[in-house]
Amino acid sequence: MTKRWYVVHTYSGYEKKVKTDLEHRIETMGMQDRIFDIEIPIESVTEIKEGGKRETKDVKIFPGYVLVRMEMDDDAWTCVRNTQGVTGFLGANGKPSPLSRDEYNKMMHKSKKGEAPKRTAVGLEVGTAVRVTSGPLADFDGQVSEVNADAGKVKVTLMIFGRETPVELGFDQVAVIA
């Protein structure tokens, strides 16, 4: 038998609970020789809060799914399938389908360098009304015309002397108008 990765469907939001419950079941049922790893696909996301503060947190890429590396046989299938919170395996006609190495790498966001890509999430998007909070243009209101999350910059169109003027500002220099 070969060790392969399988996708297990769970109730959304219960991925960590399913992982700990399954680890406990593997130990109590003596399945360590057939079920080897359990992973939840996550990625690090840097959010830029008001005031330009950066906060990094882990976010599930595929809510409701857990990856299990195992040697598929009836006992291993039963152990995983009967774990509380598991609703089934991903596959056709009720038969679990193993992932290829490329599919696993894509799901786990593993590049050839072994470095997981980071994503930046900002509460700003094109068309959002903002107020400039600092700098020489403080207290001007405008509209976001471009967001460059990687550089931490936003392009805002401001009305200056009755004329629309595009200005590039840092995330920490603008606040969303509610």
C-alpha atoms as a PDB file:
ATOM      1  CA  MET A   1       0.000   0.000   0.000  1.00  0.00           C
ATOM      2  CA  THR A   2       1.149   3.522  -0.696  1.00  0.00           C
ATOM      3  CA  LYS A   3       0.734   6.649   1.406  1.00  0.00           C
ATOM      4  CA  ARG A   4      -1.510   9.136  -0.428  1.00  0.00           C
ATOM      5  CA  TRP A   5      -3.236  12.406   0.451  1.00  0.00           C
ATOM      6  CA  TYR A   6      -7.034  12.386   0.541  1.00  0.00           C
ATOM      7  CA  VAL A   7      -9.460  15.284   0.952  1.00  0.00           C
ATOM      8  CA  VAL A   8     -11.931  14.870   3.797  1.00  0.00           C
ATOM      9  CA  HIS A   9     -15.044  17.036   3.898  1.00  0.00           C
ATOM     10  CA  THR A  10     -16.044  18.418   7.318  1.00  0.00           C
ATOM     11  CA  TYR A  11     -18.541  20.851   8.737  1.00  0.00           C
ATOM     12  CA  SER A  12     -17.237  24.349   7.968  1.00  0.00           C
ATOM     13  CA  GLY A  13     -15.588  25.884  11.029  1.00  0.00           C
ATOM     14  CA  TYR A  14     -14.899  22.480  12.630  1.00  0.00           C
ATOM     15  CA  GLU A  15     -11.636  21.689  10.816  1.00  0.00           C
ATOM     16  CA  LYS A  16      -9.419  21.996  13.928  1.00  0.00           C
ATOM     17  CA  LYS A  17     -11.849  19.965  16.041  1.00  0.00           C
ATOM     18  CA  VAL A  18     -11.977  17.235  13.382  1.00  0.00           C
ATOM     19  CA  LYS A  19      -8.166  17.201  13.249  1.00  0.00           C
ATOM     20  CA  THR A  20      -7.808  16.772  17.040  1.00  0.00           C
ATOM     21  CA  ASP A  21     -10.644  14.204  17.206  1.00  0.00           C
ATOM     22  CA  LEU A  22      -9.121  12.220  14.332  1.00  0.00           C
ATOM     23  CA  GLU A  23      -5.653  12.309  15.950  1.00  0.00           C
ATOM     24  CA  HIS A  24      -7.217  10.944  19.152  1.00  0.00           C
ATOM     25  CA  ARG A  25      -9.106   8.196  17.229  1.00  0.00           C
ATOM     26  CA  ILE A  26      -5.923   7.178  15.370  1.00  0.00           C
ATOM     27  CA  GLU A  27      -4.131   6.784  18.692  1.00  0.00           C
ATOM     28  CA  THR A  28      -6.912   4.868  20.457  1.00  0.00           C
ATOM     29  CA  MET A  29      -7.583   2.586  17.467  1.00  0.00           C
ATOM     30  CA  GLY A  30      -3.864   1.961  16.833  1.00  0.00           C
ATOM     31  CA  MET A  31      -3.978   3.292  13.257  1.00  0.00           C
ATOM     32  CA  GLN A  32      -0.599   5.120  13.347  1.00  0.00           C
ATOM     33  CA  ASP A  33       0.772   2.638  10.798  1.00  0.00           C
ATOM     34  CA  ARG A  34      -1.944   3.550   8.232  1.00  0.00           C
ATOM     35  CA  ILE A  35      -2.923   7.194   8.911  1.00  0.00           C
ATOM     36  CA  PHE A  36       0.120   9.449   9.039  1.00  0.00           C
ATOM     37  CA  ASP A  37      -0.631  13.179   8.679  1.00  0.00           C
ATOM     38  CA  ILE A  38      -3.578  15.526   8.973  1.00  0.00           C
ATOM     39  CA  GLU A  39      -3.334  19.061   7.606  1.00  0.00           C
ATOM     40  CA  ILE A  40      -5.659  22.030   7.297  1.00  0.00           C
ATOM     41  CA  PRO A  41      -4.789  24.191   4.256  1.00  0.00           C
ATOM     42  CA  ILE A  42      -4.075  27.706   5.569  1.00  0.00           C
ATOM     43  CA  GLU A  43      -2.194  30.786   4.397  1.00  0.00           C
ATOM     44  CA  SER A  44      -0.830  33.825   6.198  1.00  0.00           C
ATOM     45  CA  VAL A  45      -2.689  37.027   5.379  1.00  0.00           C
ATOM     46  CA  THR A  46      -1.474  40.456   6.407  1.00  0.00           C
ATOM     47  CA  GLU A  47      -4.388  42.801   7.056  1.00  0.00           C
ATOM     48  CA  ILE A  48      -3.820  46.522   7.223  1.00  0.00           C
ATOM     49  CA  LYS A  49      -6.104  48.012   9.826  1.00  0.00           C
ATOM     50  CA  GLU A  50      -7.047  51.666  10.256  1.00  0.00           C
ATOM     51  CA  GLY A  51      -4.043  53.733  11.142  1.00  0.00           C
ATOM     52  CA  GLY A  52      -1.794  51.528   8.993  1.00  0.00           C
ATOM     53  CA  LYS A  53      -1.272  48.839  11.641  1.00  0.00           C
ATOM     54  CA  ARG A  54      -0.394  45.477  10.107  1.00  0.00           C
ATOM     55  CA  GLU A  55      -1.848  42.317  11.578  1.00  0.00           C
ATOM     56  CA  THR A  56      -0.876  38.870  10.288  1.00  0.00           C
ATOM     57  CA  LYS A  57      -3.203  35.941  10.797  1.00  0.00           C
ATOM     58  CA  ASP A  58      -3.752  32.471   9.373  1.00  0.00           C
ATOM     59  CA  VAL A  59      -6.821  32.003   7.185  1.00  0.00           C
ATOM     60  CA  LYS A  60      -8.275  28.705   5.929  1.00  0.00           C
ATOM     61  CA  ILE A  61      -7.920  28.433   2.155  1.00  0.00           C
ATOM     62  CA  PHE A  62     -10.614  25.745   1.804  1.00  0.00           C
ATOM     63  CA  PRO A  63     -13.091  26.009   4.698  1.00  0.00           C
ATOM     64  CA  GLY A  64     -14.744  22.657   5.347  1.00  0.00           C
ATOM     65  CA  TYR A  65     -11.840  20.534   4.092  1.00  0.00           C
ATOM     66  CA  VAL A  66      -9.002  18.670   5.808  1.00  0.00           C
ATOM     67  CA  LEU A  67      -6.201  16.720   4.106  1.00  0.00           C
ATOM     68  CA  VAL A  68      -5.340  13.263   5.449  1.00  0.00           C
ATOM     69  CA  ARG A  69      -2.248  11.268   4.393  1.00  0.00           C
ATOM     70  CA  MET A  70      -3.024   7.594   4.716  1.00  0.00           C
ATOM     71  CA  GLU A  71      -2.873   4.102   3.264  1.00  0.00           C
ATOM     72  CA  MET A  72      -6.450   3.555   2.138  1.00  0.00           C
ATOM     73  CA  ASP A  73      -8.053   0.320   3.331  1.00  0.00           C
ATOM     74  CA  ASP A  74     -11.402  -0.498   4.938  1.00  0.00           C
ATOM     75  CA  ASP A  75     -10.187   0.015   8.516  1.00  0.00           C
ATOM     76  CA  ALA A  76      -8.469   3.350   7.787  1.00  0.00           C
ATOM     77  CA  TRP A  77     -11.509   4.532   5.789  1.00  0.00           C
ATOM     78  CA  THR A  78     -13.828   3.577   8.673  1.00  0.00           C
ATOM     79  CA  CYS A  79     -11.603   5.314  11.248  1.00  0.00           C
ATOM     80  CA  VAL A  80     -11.640   8.601   9.310  1.00  0.00           C
ATOM     81  CA  ARG A  81     -15.222   8.425   8.028  1.00  0.00           C
ATOM     82  CA  ASN A  82     -16.707   7.743  11.472  1.00  0.00           C
ATOM     83  CA  THR A  83     -14.875  10.629  13.160  1.00  0.00           C
ATOM     84  CA  GLN A  84     -17.335  13.196  14.518  1.00  0.00           C
ATOM     85  CA  GLY A  85     -17.637  16.183  12.149  1.00  0.00           C
ATOM     86  CA  VAL A  86     -16.483  14.282   9.040  1.00  0.00           C
ATOM     87  CA  THR A  87     -19.145  14.228   6.318  1.00  0.00           C
ATOM     88  CA  GLY A  88     -17.205  12.204   3.756  1.00  0.00           C
ATOM     89  CA  PHE A  89     -14.276  11.898   1.378  1.00  0.00           C
ATOM     90  CA  LEU A  90     -13.880  13.816  -1.857  1.00  0.00           C
ATOM     91  CA  GLY A  91     -14.194  11.468  -4.808  1.00  0.00           C
ATOM     92  CA  ALA A  92     -16.512  10.058  -7.442  1.00  0.00           C
ATOM     93  CA  ASN A  93     -19.245   7.475  -6.802  1.00  0.00           C
ATOM     94  CA  GLY A  94     -18.510   7.349  -3.062  1.00  0.00           C
ATOM     95  CA  LYS A  95     -14.932   6.181  -3.744  1.00  0.00           C
ATOM     96  CA  PRO A  96     -12.216   8.413  -2.229  1.00  0.00           C
ATOM     97  CA  SER A  97      -9.847   9.866  -4.833  1.00  0.00           C
ATOM     98  CA  PRO A  98      -6.230  10.504  -3.822  1.00  0.00           C
ATOM     99  CA  LEU A  99      -4.573  13.836  -4.660  1.00  0.00           C
ATOM    100  CA  SER A 100      -1.639  14.044  -7.034  1.00  0.00           C
ATOM    101  CA  ARG A 101       1.563  15.677  -5.736  1.00  0.00           C
ATOM    102  CA  ASP A 102       0.784  18.826  -7.821  1.00  0.00           C
ATOM    103  CA  GLU A 103      -2.774  19.050  -6.452  1.00  0.00           C
ATOM    104  CA  TYR A 104      -1.449  18.718  -2.895  1.00  0.00           C
ATOM    105  CA  ASN A 105       1.185  21.419  -3.497  1.00  0.00           C
ATOM    106  CA  LYS A 106      -1.426  23.782  -4.972  1.00  0.00           C
ATOM    107  CA  MET A 107      -3.821  23.216  -2.064  1.00  0.00           C
ATOM    108  CA  MET A 108      -1.082  23.798   0.482  1.00  0.00           C
ATOM    109  CA  HIS A 109       0.291  26.749  -1.540  1.00  0.00           C
ATOM    110  CA  LYS A 110       3.745  25.238  -1.637  1.00  0.00           C
ATOM    111  CA  SER A 111       5.982  26.730  -4.275  1.00  0.00           C
ATOM    112  CA  LYS A 112       9.194  25.133  -5.489  1.00  0.00           C
ATOM    113  CA  LYS A 113      11.160  27.320  -3.063  1.00  0.00           C
ATOM    114  CA  GLY A 114       9.118  25.923  -0.168  1.00  0.00           C
ATOM    115  CA  GLU A 115       7.975  29.434   0.762  1.00  0.00           C
ATOM    116  CA  ALA A 116       4.247  29.997   1.115  1.00  0.00           C
ATOM    117  CA  PRO A 117       3.127  33.185  -0.639  1.00  0.00           C
ATOM    118  CA  LYS A 118       1.766  35.930   1.582  1.00  0.00           C
ATOM    119  CA  ARG A 119      -1.336  37.887   0.760  1.00  0.00           C
ATOM    120  CA  THR A 120      -2.273  41.364   1.949  1.00  0.00           C
ATOM    121  CA  ALA A 121      -5.882  42.194   2.707  1.00  0.00           C
ATOM    122  CA  VAL A 122      -7.000  45.779   3.013  1.00  0.00           C
ATOM    123  CA  GLY A 123     -10.418  47.221   3.790  1.00  0.00           C
ATOM    124  CA  LEU A 124      -9.942  49.565   0.821  1.00  0.00           C
ATOM    125  CA  GLU A 125     -11.093  48.965  -2.727  1.00  0.00           C
ATOM    126  CA  VAL A 126     -11.650  51.059  -5.828  1.00  0.00           C
ATOM    127  CA  GLY A 127     -14.622  53.399  -5.349  1.00  0.00           C
ATOM    128  CA  THR A 128     -14.392  53.565  -1.531  1.00  0.00           C
ATOM    129  CA  ALA A 129     -14.929  57.058  -0.078  1.00  0.00           C
ATOM    130  CA  VAL A 130     -12.005  58.066   2.170  1.00  0.00           C
ATOM    131  CA  ARG A 131     -10.774  61.036   4.191  1.00  0.00           C
ATOM    132  CA  VAL A 132      -7.094  61.957   4.306  1.00  0.00           C
ATOM    133  CA  THR A 133      -6.028  61.837   7.971  1.00  0.00           C
ATOM    134  CA  SER A 134      -2.463  63.166   7.858  1.00  0.00           C
ATOM    135  CA  GLY A 135      -0.030  65.139   5.746  1.00  0.00           C
ATOM    136  CA  PRO A 136      -0.548  68.391   3.846  1.00  0.00           C
ATOM    137  CA  LEU A 137      -3.875  67.163   2.408  1.00  0.00           C
ATOM    138  CA  ALA A 138      -5.401  66.236   5.805  1.00  0.00           C
ATOM    139  CA  ASP A 139      -9.212  66.562   6.002  1.00  0.00           C
ATOM    140  CA  PHE A 140      -9.709  66.314   2.232  1.00  0.00           C
ATOM    141  CA  ASP A 141     -12.299  63.767   1.120  1.00  0.00           C
ATOM    142  CA  GLY A 142     -11.844  61.656  -1.997  1.00  0.00           C
ATOM    143  CA  GLN A 143     -12.445  58.364  -3.700  1.00  0.00           C
ATOM    144  CA  VAL A 144     -10.022  55.447  -4.065  1.00  0.00           C
ATOM    145  CA  SER A 145      -9.033  54.964  -7.715  1.00  0.00           C
ATOM    146  CA  GLU A 146      -6.267  52.366  -7.263  1.00  0.00           C
ATOM    147  CA  VAL A 147      -4.985  50.060  -4.492  1.00  0.00           C
ATOM    148  CA  ASN A 148      -1.414  48.740  -4.346  1.00  0.00           C
ATOM    149  CA  ALA A 149      -1.529  46.386  -1.342  1.00  0.00           C
ATOM    150  CA  ASP A 150       2.051  45.131  -1.817  1.00  0.00           C
ATOM    151  CA  ALA A 151       3.501  48.646  -1.600  1.00  0.00           C
ATOM    152  CA  GLY A 152       1.053  49.765   1.110  1.00  0.00           C
ATOM    153  CA  LYS A 153      -0.133  52.635  -1.105  1.00  0.00           C
ATOM    154  CA  VAL A 154      -3.480  53.818  -2.375  1.00  0.00           C
ATOM    155  CA  LYS A 155      -4.253  56.298  -5.153  1.00  0.00           C
ATOM    156  CA  VAL A 156      -7.044  58.686  -4.169  1.00  0.00           C
ATOM    157  CA  THR A 157      -8.793  61.223  -6.393  1.00  0.00           C
ATOM    158  CA  LEU A 158      -9.268  64.456  -4.413  1.00  0.00           C
ATOM    159  CA  MET A 159     -11.101  67.667  -5.371  1.00  0.00           C
ATOM    160  CA  ILE A 160      -8.460  70.406  -5.045  1.00  0.00           C
ATOM    161  CA  PHE A 161      -9.330  73.924  -6.281  1.00  0.00           C
ATOM    162  CA  GLY A 162     -12.398  72.526  -8.075  1.00  0.00           C
ATOM    163  CA  ARG A 163     -10.308  70.041 -10.045  1.00  0.00           C
ATOM    164  CA  GLU A 164      -9.966  66.256  -9.642  1.00  0.00           C
ATOM    165  CA  THR A 165      -6.391  65.480  -8.609  1.00  0.00           C
ATOM    166  CA  PRO A 166      -4.976  61.951  -8.188  1.00  0.00           C
ATOM    167  CA  VAL A 167      -2.749  61.622  -5.109  1.00  0.00           C
ATOM    168  CA  GLU A 168      -0.759  58.587  -3.917  1.00  0.00           C
ATOM    169  CA  LEU A 169      -0.970  58.071  -0.160  1.00  0.00           C
ATOM    170  CA  GLY A 170      -0.009  55.392   2.361  1.00  0.00           C
ATOM    171  CA  PHE A 171      -2.696  53.212   3.951  1.00  0.00           C
ATOM    172  CA  ASP A 172      -1.957  54.933   7.264  1.00  0.00           C
ATOM    173  CA  GLN A 173      -2.860  58.336   5.775  1.00  0.00           C
ATOM    174  CA  VAL A 174      -6.476  57.552   4.904  1.00  0.00           C
ATOM    175  CA  ALA A 175      -9.607  56.472   6.762  1.00  0.00           C
ATOM    176  CA  VAL A 176     -12.802  55.050   5.260  1.00  0.00           C
ATOM    177  CA  ILE A 177     -15.772  57.391   5.499  1.00  0.00           C
ATOM    178  CA  ALA A 178     -18.682  55.460   7.000  1.00  0.00           C
END
